[in-house]
Protein backbone atom coordinates (compact mmCIF):
# COMPACT_ATOMS: atom_id res chain seq x y z
CA GLN A 1 -1.90 6.77 11.66
CA VAL A 2 -3.13 10.31 10.42
CA PHE A 3 -2.82 13.30 12.57
CA ARG A 4 -4.66 16.88 12.28
CA VAL A 5 -2.18 19.61 12.88
CA ILE A 6 -2.24 23.19 12.46
CA ALA A 7 0.97 25.46 11.56
CA SER A 8 1.41 28.68 11.08
CA ILE A 9 4.21 29.46 8.50
CA ASP A 10 7.05 32.39 8.98
CA ARG A 11 7.88 32.66 5.01
CA ILE A 12 4.76 33.21 3.25
CA ASP A 13 5.26 31.86 -0.31
CA PRO A 14 3.31 34.54 -2.93
CA ARG A 15 1.77 31.18 -4.33
CA LEU A 16 0.06 30.38 -1.36
CA ARG A 17 -3.67 31.53 -1.23
CA PRO A 18 -6.16 32.01 1.46
CA ASP A 19 -7.90 28.27 2.22
CA MET A 20 -5.29 26.29 0.71
CA ASN A 21 -4.05 22.83 2.65
CA GLY A 22 -1.51 20.61 2.23
CA SER A 23 -0.33 17.24 3.62
CA MET A 24 3.27 15.96 4.86
CA ASN A 25 4.57 12.36 5.51
CA VAL A 26 6.81 11.96 8.41
CA VAL A 27 9.19 9.21 8.29
CA THR A 28 9.33 6.99 11.43
CA GLN A 29 10.75 4.19 10.25
CA ARG A 30 12.74 2.89 6.90
CA LEU A 31 12.18 -0.59 5.57
CA PRO A 32 14.96 -0.80 3.00
CA ASN A 33 13.63 -4.02 1.43
CA ALA A 34 9.97 -3.40 1.35
CA ILE A 35 7.60 -3.54 -1.87
CA ILE A 36 4.25 -1.15 -1.27
CA VAL A 37 1.51 -2.93 -2.34
CA PRO A 38 -2.30 -2.13 -1.81
CA ALA A 39 -3.51 -3.81 1.63
CA ASN A 40 -6.19 -5.23 -0.59
CA ALA A 41 -3.91 -6.96 -2.55
CA VAL A 42 -2.67 -9.18 0.34
CA PHE A 43 -4.69 -12.38 1.36
CA PRO A 44 -4.48 -14.92 4.18
CA VAL A 45 -4.05 -18.10 2.44
CA GLY A 46 -3.54 -21.34 4.84
CA GLY A 47 -3.38 -18.27 7.74
CA LYS A 48 -0.23 -16.71 6.11
CA PRO A 49 -0.39 -13.18 4.46
CA THR A 50 -0.17 -13.73 0.26
CA VAL A 51 -0.06 -11.99 -2.54
CA TYR A 52 -1.29 -12.92 -6.17
CA VAL A 53 1.41 -11.80 -8.89
CA GLN A 54 0.31 -12.15 -12.47
CA SER A 55 2.35 -14.35 -14.12
CA GLY A 56 1.39 -13.97 -18.25
CA THR A 57 -2.59 -14.59 -17.94
CA GLN A 58 -2.71 -15.90 -14.82
CA PHE A 59 -1.86 -15.07 -11.38
CA LYS A 60 0.78 -17.26 -8.91
CA ALA A 61 0.67 -17.22 -5.15
CA THR A 62 3.12 -15.61 -3.56
CA PRO A 63 3.50 -15.81 0.16
CA VAL A 64 5.18 -12.58 1.43
CA THR A 65 6.31 -10.95 4.79
CA VAL A 66 4.21 -7.81 6.06
CA LEU A 67 6.34 -5.61 7.54
CA ALA A 68 3.92 -2.93 7.97
CA ARG A 69 0.34 -1.87 7.44
CA THR A 70 -2.30 0.75 7.06
CA SER A 71 -5.67 0.88 6.05
CA GLU A 72 -4.42 1.58 2.27
CA ASP A 73 -1.01 0.22 1.88
CA ALA A 74 0.93 -2.51 3.01
CA ALA A 75 5.03 -2.91 2.72
CA VAL A 76 5.60 -6.35 2.27
CA GLU A 77 8.92 -8.46 1.54
CA GLY A 78 8.74 -11.06 -1.43
CA VAL A 79 7.33 -9.55 -4.22
CA ALA A 80 9.80 -8.37 -6.98
CA VAL A 81 9.76 -4.79 -7.49
CA GLY A 82 7.62 -3.68 -10.41
CA ALA A 83 5.19 -7.09 -10.07
CA ARG A 84 1.55 -7.01 -10.78
CA VAL A 85 -0.63 -8.12 -8.03
CA ALA A 86 -4.37 -9.06 -7.76
CA LEU A 87 -6.60 -6.73 -5.90
CA GLN A 88 -9.27 -9.49 -5.68
CA ASP A 89 -8.74 -13.26 -5.11
CA PRO A 90 -8.30 -14.96 -8.50
CA THR A 91 -9.05 -18.07 -6.63
CA ALA A 92 -12.25 -16.89 -4.97
CA PRO A 93 -15.60 -18.33 -6.67
CA LYS A 94 -17.13 -16.17 -9.54
CA SER A 95 -20.45 -14.58 -8.68
CA ASN A 96 -23.08 -14.40 -11.05
CA PRO A 97 -25.01 -11.05 -11.42
């Protein structure tokens, strides 16, 4: 969720300039075994969340457990750190231009 907040700064850093803005993440829950993937990399296959992990020149369907999700990212279990995942369903029929 995103919340807009306005704050005042007690100690001004000289690097700050008028009209600058910033962002902040507030951690509300830690998921120690989660891997973050783009939300559009998680596909429903047989009613279960699945990520297609690259293996050589092909992609292997890998069932995952979705622990948390935003519109942009999904925290999942079942994918190795550093795995390359498909952002489009590689099993979908190819469309002709």
